């Protein structure tokens, strides 16, 4: 389940497990909204942490042809 913790002009989208029961989803949403100011929404908010530690990178083997 996906919901916005921000505003429409500046959305902060969050995904939670769709298999949670409704009460747990609502409880989680309220908790995340209450503490939304502690999340780093972009890499620029991760001050002091090297980007290579926070960014996901997938190395591809260029000798393997792409499936069409």
Protein backbone atom coordinates (compact mmCIF):
# COMPACT_ATOMS: atom_id res chain seq x y z
CA UNK A 1 0.00 0.00 0.00
CA UNK A 2 1.33 3.42 -0.95
CA UNK A 3 0.52 6.77 0.66
CA UNK A 4 1.82 10.32 0.69
CA UNK A 5 3.31 11.75 3.91
CA UNK A 6 3.94 15.11 2.26
CA UNK A 7 1.72 17.49 0.34
CA UNK A 8 0.65 17.26 -3.29
CA UNK A 9 3.16 19.94 -4.34
CA UNK A 10 5.99 18.10 -2.53
CA UNK A 11 5.04 14.44 -2.11
CA UNK A 12 6.86 12.01 0.18
CA UNK A 13 5.62 8.61 -0.93
CA UNK A 14 5.89 5.63 1.42
CA UNK A 15 5.15 1.95 0.78
CA UNK A 16 3.90 -0.38 3.51
CA UNK A 17 3.13 -4.07 3.32
CA UNK A 18 -0.23 -4.52 1.60
CA UNK A 19 -0.82 -7.69 3.62
CA UNK A 20 -1.02 -5.80 6.92
CA UNK A 21 -4.49 -5.62 8.40
CA UNK A 22 -6.25 -2.26 8.13
CA UNK A 23 -5.66 -1.28 11.76
CA UNK A 24 -1.91 -1.89 11.43
CA UNK A 25 -1.76 0.13 8.20
CA UNK A 26 -3.52 3.06 9.89
CA UNK A 27 -1.30 2.75 12.96
CA UNK A 28 1.83 2.68 10.78
CA UNK A 29 0.64 5.67 8.74
CA UNK A 30 -0.02 7.71 11.89
CA UNK A 31 3.40 6.81 13.31
CA UNK A 32 5.20 7.72 10.07
CA UNK A 33 3.30 11.03 9.82
CA UNK A 34 4.15 11.88 13.42
CA UNK A 35 7.88 11.31 12.85
CA UNK A 36 8.18 12.26 9.15
CA UNK A 37 10.71 15.00 9.96
CA UNK A 38 13.35 12.41 10.95
CA UNK A 39 13.48 10.71 7.51
CA UNK A 40 16.04 11.57 4.84
CA UNK A 41 13.81 12.01 1.78
CA UNK A 42 16.71 12.63 -0.62
CA UNK A 43 20.44 11.94 -0.62
CA UNK A 44 21.20 15.58 0.18
CA UNK A 45 19.71 15.04 3.66
CA UNK A 46 22.19 12.24 4.39
CA UNK A 47 24.90 14.62 5.55
CA UNK A 48 28.15 12.97 6.57
CA UNK A 49 27.31 9.66 4.89
CA UNK A 50 29.26 8.89 1.71
CA UNK A 51 26.90 8.37 -1.27
CA UNK A 52 28.61 5.10 -2.19
CA UNK A 53 27.29 3.63 1.08
CA UNK A 54 23.69 4.71 0.44
CA UNK A 55 23.23 4.30 -3.30
CA UNK A 56 22.27 1.00 -4.84
CA UNK A 57 24.39 -0.07 -7.80
CA UNK A 58 24.01 -3.10 -10.07
CA UNK A 59 27.02 -4.10 -12.11
CA UNK A 60 25.98 -5.56 -15.47
CA UNK A 61 28.02 -7.94 -17.59
CA UNK A 62 28.16 -6.25 -21.02
CA UNK A 63 29.13 -9.55 -22.69
CA UNK A 64 25.65 -10.98 -22.03
CA UNK A 65 23.07 -9.87 -24.64
CA UNK A 66 19.84 -8.29 -23.45
CA UNK A 67 16.67 -10.36 -23.89
CA UNK A 68 14.16 -8.89 -26.34
